[in-house]
């Protein structure tokens, strides 16, 4: 049965989101294509990949993108860079207002070859929103094409935000990490968690550094931060989030959040 999509931007997004195994692109004349979508909360999508790289910006709502190497979280006012042909799956928390740029790999050679969460300046945000109104077959050498060129130029200045959680491949360590992702408020020590995985705690300490580049303490703190972002985006009160994540007080949680992201939770989620 043919899928009917009334909205042309949804039809375009559907085409661009199909997995690709070919080394070419159906529209090589337009280096950037922009799509805007409103998405409800949903469970993880099946793993997939795109020939075009993506800059994924959630102007409202929070989503996670998971690859074999780790988990990235994109709260409002940030974006995620996903390189060409990177296998990933997506999960949405709360209703999501999604703006996505699909970019030919050759058009952004300066961008990293791994996923990165990046801040979005007010200028870049407005350019992305504007680009999402362009027709699918815009003139690449006309006014629309010049706006896309400015977007690519703005992307050269993107920094990296600390919203990435590297995932290990060792099965013993993976058991511990998956448990902490499911229950980030668990206060058990590493020796107690190691017993659950059938490993010695000193072995897991070594594996944390080797496979994630982080100590156990820092990895768990990062996992709690990403869980906090998802919960806060869903509208849960700060006090409830702090208690769920194992913090002894709301002030201790707010202090951790501010150290990591530079502002309190209230200011972080305040409208731009």
C-alpha atoms as a PDB file:
ATOM      1  CA  UNK A   1       0.000   0.000   0.000  1.00  0.00           C
ATOM      2  CA  UNK A   2       1.312   3.472  -0.883  1.00  0.00           C
ATOM      3  CA  UNK A   3       1.891   5.755   2.083  1.00  0.00           C
ATOM      4  CA  UNK A   4      -0.071   8.989   1.793  1.00  0.00           C
ATOM      5  CA  UNK A   5       1.583  12.075   3.229  1.00  0.00           C
ATOM      6  CA  UNK A   6      -0.336  15.308   2.851  1.00  0.00           C
ATOM      7  CA  UNK A   7       2.393  17.636   4.079  1.00  0.00           C
ATOM      8  CA  UNK A   8       5.172  18.063   1.467  1.00  0.00           C
ATOM      9  CA  UNK A   9       7.839  18.640   4.136  1.00  0.00           C
ATOM     10  CA  UNK A  10       6.830  15.354   5.751  1.00  0.00           C
ATOM     11  CA  UNK A  11       7.090  13.651   2.379  1.00  0.00           C
ATOM     12  CA  UNK A  12      10.569  15.074   1.928  1.00  0.00           C
ATOM     13  CA  UNK A  13      11.608  13.997   5.427  1.00  0.00           C
ATOM     14  CA  UNK A  14      10.271  10.515   4.731  1.00  0.00           C
ATOM     15  CA  UNK A  15      12.399  10.257   1.592  1.00  0.00           C
ATOM     16  CA  UNK A  16      15.547  11.610   3.252  1.00  0.00           C
ATOM     17  CA  UNK A  17      15.199   9.358   6.294  1.00  0.00           C
ATOM     18  CA  UNK A  18      15.229   6.128   4.326  1.00  0.00           C
ATOM     19  CA  UNK A  19      18.400   4.086   4.814  1.00  0.00           C
ATOM     20  CA  UNK A  20      20.880   4.485   1.982  1.00  0.00           C
ATOM     21  CA  UNK A  21      23.576   2.108   0.834  1.00  0.00           C
ATOM     22  CA  UNK A  22      24.537   4.055  -2.262  1.00  0.00           C
ATOM     23  CA  UNK A  23      27.365   6.530  -2.657  1.00  0.00           C
ATOM     24  CA  UNK A  24      25.346   9.167  -4.463  1.00  0.00           C
ATOM     25  CA  UNK A  25      22.545  11.580  -3.642  1.00  0.00           C
ATOM     26  CA  UNK A  26      19.248  12.176  -5.463  1.00  0.00           C
ATOM     27  CA  UNK A  27      19.783  15.956  -5.342  1.00  0.00           C
ATOM     28  CA  UNK A  28      23.505  16.800  -5.705  1.00  0.00           C
ATOM     29  CA  UNK A  29      22.756  20.412  -6.757  1.00  0.00           C
ATOM     30  CA  UNK A  30      21.410  21.455  -3.352  1.00  0.00           C
ATOM     31  CA  UNK A  31      24.003  20.964  -0.590  1.00  0.00           C
ATOM     32  CA  UNK A  32      21.491  21.639   2.206  1.00  0.00           C
ATOM     33  CA  UNK A  33      17.856  20.562   2.505  1.00  0.00           C
ATOM     34  CA  UNK A  34      15.772  21.682   5.489  1.00  0.00           C
ATOM     35  CA  UNK A  35      12.777  19.918   7.050  1.00  0.00           C
ATOM     36  CA  UNK A  36      10.488  20.943   9.927  1.00  0.00           C
ATOM     37  CA  UNK A  37       8.362  18.393  11.799  1.00  0.00           C
ATOM     38  CA  UNK A  38       6.236  18.199  14.945  1.00  0.00           C
ATOM     39  CA  UNK A  39       6.675  14.811  16.643  1.00  0.00           C
ATOM     40  CA  UNK A  40       4.863  13.165  19.582  1.00  0.00           C
ATOM     41  CA  UNK A  41       6.786  11.120  22.173  1.00  0.00           C
ATOM     42  CA  UNK A  42       7.774   7.730  20.805  1.00  0.00           C
ATOM     43  CA  UNK A  43       9.868   4.679  21.587  1.00  0.00           C
ATOM     44  CA  UNK A  44      13.251   4.297  19.860  1.00  0.00           C
ATOM     45  CA  UNK A  45      13.082   4.136  16.084  1.00  0.00           C
ATOM     46  CA  UNK A  46      14.741   1.190  14.326  1.00  0.00           C
ATOM     47  CA  UNK A  47      18.474   1.687  13.676  1.00  0.00           C
ATOM     48  CA  UNK A  48      18.987   3.494  10.383  1.00  0.00           C
ATOM     49  CA  UNK A  49      21.443   5.733   8.533  1.00  0.00           C
ATOM     50  CA  UNK A  50      21.375   8.498   5.923  1.00  0.00           C
ATOM     51  CA  UNK A  51      23.674   9.323   3.047  1.00  0.00           C
ATOM     52  CA  UNK A  52      23.425  13.006   3.966  1.00  0.00           C
ATOM     53  CA  UNK A  53      24.832  14.247   7.247  1.00  0.00           C
ATOM     54  CA  UNK A  54      22.346  15.943   9.577  1.00  0.00           C
ATOM     55  CA  UNK A  55      22.203  18.901  11.901  1.00  0.00           C
ATOM     56  CA  UNK A  56      19.222  18.069  14.106  1.00  0.00           C
ATOM     57  CA  UNK A  57      17.778  20.915  16.173  1.00  0.00           C
ATOM     58  CA  UNK A  58      14.956  20.525  18.703  1.00  0.00           C
ATOM     59  CA  UNK A  59      13.501  23.985  19.259  1.00  0.00           C
ATOM     60  CA  UNK A  60      11.113  22.442  21.824  1.00  0.00           C
ATOM     61  CA  UNK A  61      11.293  19.079  23.574  1.00  0.00           C
ATOM     62  CA  UNK A  62      14.168  16.655  24.183  1.00  0.00           C
ATOM     63  CA  UNK A  63      15.349  13.632  22.236  1.00  0.00           C
ATOM     64  CA  UNK A  64      18.170  11.129  22.508  1.00  0.00           C
ATOM     65  CA  UNK A  65      20.103   9.723  19.592  1.00  0.00           C
ATOM     66  CA  UNK A  66      21.961   6.476  20.215  1.00  0.00           C
ATOM     67  CA  UNK A  67      24.791   5.054  18.111  1.00  0.00           C
ATOM     68  CA  UNK A  68      27.049   2.048  18.732  1.00  0.00           C
ATOM     69  CA  UNK A  69      29.504   4.469  20.397  1.00  0.00           C
ATOM     70  CA  UNK A  70      27.259   6.316  22.815  1.00  0.00           C
ATOM     71  CA  UNK A  71      24.181   8.364  23.622  1.00  0.00           C
ATOM     72  CA  UNK A  72      23.617  12.030  22.794  1.00  0.00           C
ATOM     73  CA  UNK A  73      20.894  14.270  24.246  1.00  0.00           C
ATOM     74  CA  UNK A  74      19.581  17.393  22.533  1.00  0.00           C
ATOM     75  CA  UNK A  75      17.534  19.713  24.757  1.00  0.00           C
ATOM     76  CA  UNK A  76      16.040  22.942  23.373  1.00  0.00           C
ATOM     77  CA  UNK A  77      18.441  25.471  21.856  1.00  0.00           C
ATOM     78  CA  UNK A  78      21.043  22.822  21.029  1.00  0.00           C
ATOM     79  CA  UNK A  79      21.603  20.663  17.974  1.00  0.00           C
ATOM     80  CA  UNK A  80      23.183  17.330  17.161  1.00  0.00           C
ATOM     81  CA  UNK A  81      25.596  16.803  14.302  1.00  0.00           C
ATOM     82  CA  UNK A  82      25.197  13.318  12.805  1.00  0.00           C
ATOM     83  CA  UNK A  83      27.809  12.466  10.147  1.00  0.00           C
ATOM     84  CA  UNK A  84      26.930  10.744   6.898  1.00  0.00           C
ATOM     85  CA  UNK A  85      26.117   7.015   7.130  1.00  0.00           C
ATOM     86  CA  UNK A  86      26.195   6.960  10.941  1.00  0.00           C
ATOM     87  CA  UNK A  87      23.898   4.215  12.223  1.00  0.00           C
ATOM     88  CA  UNK A  88      21.595   5.589  14.912  1.00  0.00           C
ATOM     89  CA  UNK A  89      18.167   5.399  16.456  1.00  0.00           C
ATOM     90  CA  UNK A  90      16.072   8.158  17.992  1.00  0.00           C
ATOM     91  CA  UNK A  91      13.771   8.479  20.997  1.00  0.00           C
ATOM     92  CA  UNK A  92      11.594  11.524  21.723  1.00  0.00           C
ATOM     93  CA  UNK A  93      10.661  12.729  25.245  1.00  0.00           C
ATOM     94  CA  UNK A  94       7.714  15.105  25.305  1.00  0.00           C
ATOM     95  CA  UNK A  95       6.339  16.700  22.176  1.00  0.00           C
ATOM     96  CA  UNK A  96       9.199  17.672  19.871  1.00  0.00           C
ATOM     97  CA  UNK A  97       9.452  20.574  17.446  1.00  0.00           C
ATOM     98  CA  UNK A  98      12.173  19.299  15.133  1.00  0.00           C
ATOM     99  CA  UNK A  99      14.195  21.222  12.556  1.00  0.00           C
ATOM    100  CA  UNK A 100      16.642  19.124  10.529  1.00  0.00           C
ATOM    101  CA  UNK A 101      19.244  20.122   7.977  1.00  0.00           C
ATOM    102  CA  UNK A 102      20.279  17.336   5.601  1.00  0.00           C
ATOM    103  CA  UNK A 103      23.751  18.199   4.328  1.00  0.00           C
ATOM    104  CA  UNK A 104      25.871  16.669   1.581  1.00  0.00           C
ATOM    105  CA  UNK A 105      29.117  15.412   3.166  1.00  0.00           C
ATOM    106  CA  UNK A 106      31.280  17.401   0.737  1.00  0.00           C
ATOM    107  CA  UNK A 107      29.468  20.623   1.731  1.00  0.00           C
ATOM    108  CA  UNK A 108      30.735  20.523   5.334  1.00  0.00           C
ATOM    109  CA  UNK A 109      34.227  18.969   5.283  1.00  0.00           C
ATOM    110  CA  UNK A 110      35.169  20.934   8.414  1.00  0.00           C
ATOM    111  CA  UNK A 111      32.593  19.129  10.568  1.00  0.00           C
ATOM    112  CA  UNK A 112      33.708  16.185  12.768  1.00  0.00           C
ATOM    113  CA  UNK A 113      33.399  12.570  11.667  1.00  0.00           C
ATOM    114  CA  UNK A 114      31.584  11.632  14.888  1.00  0.00           C
ATOM    115  CA  UNK A 115      28.333  12.819  16.478  1.00  0.00           C
ATOM    116  CA  UNK A 116      28.527  16.044  18.501  1.00  0.00           C
ATOM    117  CA  UNK A 117      26.004  18.056  20.514  1.00  0.00           C
ATOM    118  CA  UNK A 118      26.560  21.716  19.630  1.00  0.00           C
ATOM    119  CA  UNK A 119      25.108  25.034  20.841  1.00  0.00           C
ATOM    120  CA  UNK A 120      22.938  26.918  18.368  1.00  0.00           C
ATOM    121  CA  UNK A 121      23.352  30.696  18.290  1.00  0.00           C
ATOM    122  CA  UNK A 122      20.235  32.891  17.950  1.00  0.00           C
ATOM    123  CA  UNK A 123      21.330  33.748  14.399  1.00  0.00           C
ATOM    124  CA  UNK A 124      21.797  30.123  13.351  1.00  0.00           C
ATOM    125  CA  UNK A 125      18.499  29.148  14.969  1.00  0.00           C
ATOM    126  CA  UNK A 126      16.609  31.791  12.986  1.00  0.00           C
ATOM    127  CA  UNK A 127      18.395  30.790   9.773  1.00  0.00           C
ATOM    128  CA  UNK A 128      17.402  27.152  10.293  1.00  0.00           C
ATOM    129  CA  UNK A 129      13.770  28.082  10.962  1.00  0.00           C
ATOM    130  CA  UNK A 130      13.772  30.270   7.841  1.00  0.00           C
ATOM    131  CA  UNK A 131      15.370  27.532   5.715  1.00  0.00           C
ATOM    132  CA  UNK A 132      12.606  25.126   6.684  1.00  0.00           C
ATOM    133  CA  UNK A 133      10.145  27.320   4.755  1.00  0.00           C
ATOM    134  CA  UNK A 134      12.051  26.959   1.469  1.00  0.00           C
ATOM    135  CA  UNK A 135      10.592  24.848  -1.325  1.00  0.00           C
ATOM    136  CA  UNK A 136      12.170  21.454  -1.885  1.00  0.00           C
ATOM    137  CA  UNK A 137      13.444  22.508  -5.325  1.00  0.00           C
ATOM    138  CA  UNK A 138      14.822  25.924  -4.349  1.00  0.00           C
ATOM    139  CA  UNK A 139      17.258  27.596  -6.746  1.00  0.00           C
ATOM    140  CA  UNK A 140      20.750  26.740  -5.419  1.00  0.00           C
ATOM    141  CA  UNK A 141      22.266  29.927  -6.878  1.00  0.00           C
ATOM    142  CA  UNK A 142      19.419  32.219  -5.823  1.00  0.00           C
ATOM    143  CA  UNK A 143      18.463  33.889  -2.506  1.00  0.00           C
ATOM    144  CA  UNK A 144      17.579  30.567  -0.872  1.00  0.00           C
ATOM    145  CA  UNK A 145      20.900  29.081  -1.873  1.00  0.00           C
ATOM    146  CA  UNK A 146      22.724  32.066  -0.378  1.00  0.00           C
ATOM    147  CA  UNK A 147      20.940  31.545   2.952  1.00  0.00           C
ATOM    148  CA  UNK A 148      22.055  27.902   2.917  1.00  0.00           C
ATOM    149  CA  UNK A 149      25.626  29.070   2.294  1.00  0.00           C
ATOM    150  CA  UNK A 150      25.424  31.363   5.339  1.00  0.00           C
ATOM    151  CA  UNK A 151      24.184  28.400   7.420  1.00  0.00           C
ATOM    152  CA  UNK A 152      27.182  26.332   6.352  1.00  0.00           C
ATOM    153  CA  UNK A 153      29.453  29.242   7.211  1.00  0.00           C
ATOM    154  CA  UNK A 154      27.866  29.612  10.667  1.00  0.00           C
ATOM    155  CA  UNK A 155      28.431  25.913  11.327  1.00  0.00           C
ATOM    156  CA  UNK A 156      32.199  26.482  11.193  1.00  0.00           C
ATOM    157  CA  UNK A 157      31.948  28.244  14.556  1.00  0.00           C
ATOM    158  CA  UNK A 158      30.078  25.516  16.418  1.00  0.00           C
ATOM    159  CA  UNK A 159      31.538  24.382  19.730  1.00  0.00           C
ATOM    160  CA  UNK A 160      30.766  21.139  21.583  1.00  0.00           C
ATOM    161  CA  UNK A 161      28.333  20.818  24.506  1.00  0.00           C
ATOM    162  CA  UNK A 162      28.959  18.238  27.294  1.00  0.00           C
ATOM    163  CA  UNK A 163      25.878  16.137  26.539  1.00  0.00           C
ATOM    164  CA  UNK A 164      27.415  12.871  25.422  1.00  0.00           C
ATOM    165  CA  UNK A 165      27.598   9.562  27.235  1.00  0.00           C
ATOM    166  CA  UNK A 166      30.115   7.073  25.793  1.00  0.00           C
ATOM    167  CA  UNK A 167      28.985   3.455  25.946  1.00  0.00           C
ATOM    168  CA  UNK A 168      31.359   0.538  26.543  1.00  0.00           C
ATOM    169  CA  UNK A 169      31.577  -2.620  24.459  1.00  0.00           C
ATOM    170  CA  UNK A 170      32.909  -4.976  27.163  1.00  0.00           C
ATOM    171  CA  UNK A 171      29.886  -7.101  28.197  1.00  0.00           C
ATOM    172  CA  UNK A 172      30.698  -6.941  31.937  1.00  0.00           C
ATOM    173  CA  UNK A 173      30.867  -3.171  31.936  1.00  0.00           C
ATOM    174  CA  UNK A 174      27.863  -2.907  29.627  1.00  0.00           C
ATOM    175  CA  UNK A 175      25.737  -4.686  32.258  1.00  0.00           C
ATOM    176  CA  UNK A 176      26.640  -2.038  34.839  1.00  0.00           C
ATOM    177  CA  UNK A 177      26.119   0.877  32.443  1.00  0.00           C
ATOM    178  CA  UNK A 178      22.768  -0.380  31.193  1.00  0.00           C
ATOM    179  CA  UNK A 179      21.587  -0.794  34.781  1.00  0.00           C
ATOM    180  CA  UNK A 180      22.588   2.777  35.630  1.00  0.00           C
ATOM    181  CA  UNK A 181      20.810   4.057  32.525  1.00  0.00           C
ATOM    182  CA  UNK A 182      17.644   2.241  33.615  1.00  0.00           C
ATOM    183  CA  UNK A 183      18.040   3.357  37.244  1.00  0.00           C
ATOM    184  CA  UNK A 184      20.301   6.438  37.378  1.00  0.00           C
ATOM    185  CA  UNK A 185      19.302   7.053  41.005  1.00  0.00           C
ATOM    186  CA  UNK A 186      20.935   3.819  42.192  1.00  0.00           C
ATOM    187  CA  UNK A 187      23.411   4.818  44.930  1.00  0.00           C
ATOM    188  CA  UNK A 188      25.284   1.537  45.124  1.00  0.00           C
ATOM    189  CA  UNK A 189      29.076   1.657  44.994  1.00  0.00           C
ATOM    190  CA  UNK A 190      31.128   0.247  42.161  1.00  0.00           C
ATOM    191  CA  UNK A 191      32.103  -2.906  44.147  1.00  0.00           C
ATOM    192  CA  UNK A 192      28.404  -3.580  44.745  1.00  0.00           C
ATOM    193  CA  UNK A 193      27.591  -3.026  41.077  1.00  0.00           C
ATOM    194  CA  UNK A 194      30.600  -5.122  40.013  1.00  0.00           C
ATOM    195  CA  UNK A 195      29.201  -8.102  41.928  1.00  0.00           C
ATOM    196  CA  UNK A 196      26.039  -7.762  39.834  1.00  0.00           C
ATOM    197  CA  UNK A 197      28.133  -7.996  36.668  1.00  0.00           C
ATOM    198  CA  UNK A 198      30.249 -10.882  37.898  1.00  0.00           C
ATOM    199  CA  UNK A 199      33.440  -8.813  37.766  1.00  0.00           C
ATOM    200  CA  UNK A 200      36.040  -7.409  40.136  1.00  0.00           C
ATOM    201  CA  UNK A 201      35.631  -3.701  40.865  1.00  0.00           C
ATOM    202  CA  UNK A 202      39.270  -2.966  39.997  1.00  0.00           C
ATOM    203  CA  UNK A 203      38.683  -4.548  36.591  1.00  0.00           C
ATOM    204  CA  UNK A 204      35.658  -2.325  35.999  1.00  0.00           C
ATOM    205  CA  UNK A 205      37.584   0.774  37.103  1.00  0.00           C
ATOM    206  CA  UNK A 206      40.216  -0.003  34.492  1.00  0.00           C
ATOM    207  CA  UNK A 207      37.591  -0.759  31.852  1.00  0.00           C
ATOM    208  CA  UNK A 208      35.708   2.518  32.484  1.00  0.00           C
ATOM    209  CA  UNK A 209      38.811   4.522  31.617  1.00  0.00           C
ATOM    210  CA  UNK A 210      39.826   2.278  28.739  1.00  0.00           C
ATOM    211  CA  UNK A 211      36.425   2.067  27.020  1.00  0.00           C
ATOM    212  CA  UNK A 212      34.760   5.392  27.854  1.00  0.00           C
ATOM    213  CA  UNK A 213      37.646   7.704  28.737  1.00  0.00           C
ATOM    214  CA  UNK A 214      35.810   8.570  31.976  1.00  0.00           C
ATOM    215  CA  UNK A 215      36.075   7.459  35.570  1.00  0.00           C
ATOM    216  CA  UNK A 216      33.124   5.604  37.072  1.00  0.00           C
ATOM    217  CA  UNK A 217      32.166   8.646  39.154  1.00  0.00           C
ATOM    218  CA  UNK A 218      32.170  11.010  36.175  1.00  0.00           C
ATOM    219  CA  UNK A 219      30.333   8.535  33.929  1.00  0.00           C
ATOM    220  CA  UNK A 220      27.561   8.084  36.494  1.00  0.00           C
ATOM    221  CA  UNK A 221      27.290  11.848  37.008  1.00  0.00           C
ATOM    222  CA  UNK A 222      26.969  12.310  33.239  1.00  0.00           C
ATOM    223  CA  UNK A 223      24.305   9.606  33.042  1.00  0.00           C
ATOM    224  CA  UNK A 224      22.350  11.398  35.769  1.00  0.00           C
ATOM    225  CA  UNK A 225      22.681  14.722  33.943  1.00  0.00           C
ATOM    226  CA  UNK A 226      21.255  13.271  30.735  1.00  0.00           C
ATOM    227  CA  UNK A 227      18.426  11.622  32.662  1.00  0.00           C
ATOM    228  CA  UNK A 228      17.719  14.951  34.375  1.00  0.00           C
ATOM    229  CA  UNK A 229      17.420  16.729  31.035  1.00  0.00           C
ATOM    230  CA  UNK A 230      14.869  14.200  29.820  1.00  0.00           C
ATOM    231  CA  UNK A 231      12.821  14.425  33.023  1.00  0.00           C
ATOM    232  CA  UNK A 232      12.906  18.227  33.217  1.00  0.00           C
ATOM    233  CA  UNK A 233      11.903  18.510  29.555  1.00  0.00           C
ATOM    234  CA  UNK A 234       8.892  16.319  30.340  1.00  0.00           C
ATOM    235  CA  UNK A 235       7.827  18.850  32.983  1.00  0.00           C
ATOM    236  CA  UNK A 236       8.833  16.994  36.160  1.00  0.00           C
ATOM    237  CA  UNK A 237       9.560  19.299  39.158  1.00  0.00           C
ATOM    238  CA  UNK A 238      13.202  19.909  40.035  1.00  0.00           C
ATOM    239  CA  UNK A 239      12.772  18.448  43.526  1.00  0.00           C
ATOM    240  CA  UNK A 240      11.263  15.223  42.164  1.00  0.00           C
ATOM    241  CA  UNK A 241      14.053  14.890  39.593  1.00  0.00           C
ATOM    242  CA  UNK A 242      16.712  15.425  42.266  1.00  0.00           C
ATOM    243  CA  UNK A 243      15.244  12.706  44.482  1.00  0.00           C
ATOM    244  CA  UNK A 244      14.731  10.259  41.586  1.00  0.00           C
ATOM    245  CA  UNK A 245      18.366  10.630  40.575  1.00  0.00           C
ATOM    246  CA  UNK A 246      19.758   9.885  44.013  1.00  0.00           C
ATOM    247  CA  UNK A 247      20.711  13.385  45.183  1.00  0.00           C
ATOM    248  CA  UNK A 248      20.381  14.139  48.877  1.00  0.00           C
ATOM    249  CA  UNK A 249      18.827  17.552  48.264  1.00  0.00           C
ATOM    250  CA  UNK A 250      17.491  19.807  45.543  1.00  0.00           C
ATOM    251  CA  UNK A 251      20.372  22.227  46.100  1.00  0.00           C
ATOM    252  CA  UNK A 252      22.958  19.460  45.535  1.00  0.00           C
ATOM    253  CA  UNK A 253      21.280  18.557  42.258  1.00  0.00           C
ATOM    254  CA  UNK A 254      21.091  22.194  41.117  1.00  0.00           C
ATOM    255  CA  UNK A 255      24.777  22.664  41.963  1.00  0.00           C
ATOM    256  CA  UNK A 256      25.707  19.641  39.794  1.00  0.00           C
ATOM    257  CA  UNK A 257      23.534  20.892  36.954  1.00  0.00           C
ATOM    258  CA  UNK A 258      25.046  24.379  37.081  1.00  0.00           C
ATOM    259  CA  UNK A 259      28.620  23.035  37.164  1.00  0.00           C
ATOM    260  CA  UNK A 260      27.918  20.956  34.067  1.00  0.00           C
ATOM    261  CA  UNK A 261      25.894  23.414  31.977  1.00  0.00           C
ATOM    262  CA  UNK A 262      26.643  26.837  33.456  1.00  0.00           C
ATOM    263  CA  UNK A 263      23.082  27.703  34.511  1.00  0.00           C
ATOM    264  CA  UNK A 264      20.365  26.399  36.814  1.00  0.00           C
ATOM    265  CA  UNK A 265      17.676  24.041  35.456  1.00  0.00           C
ATOM    266  CA  UNK A 266      15.107  26.850  35.500  1.00  0.00           C
ATOM    267  CA  UNK A 267      17.245  29.142  33.372  1.00  0.00           C
ATOM    268  CA  UNK A 268      18.346  26.310  31.089  1.00  0.00           C
ATOM    269  CA  UNK A 269      14.768  25.536  30.071  1.00  0.00           C
ATOM    270  CA  UNK A 270      13.579  29.151  30.035  1.00  0.00           C
ATOM    271  CA  UNK A 271      12.229  30.298  26.643  1.00  0.00           C
ATOM    272  CA  UNK A 272      14.903  31.908  24.469  1.00  0.00           C
END
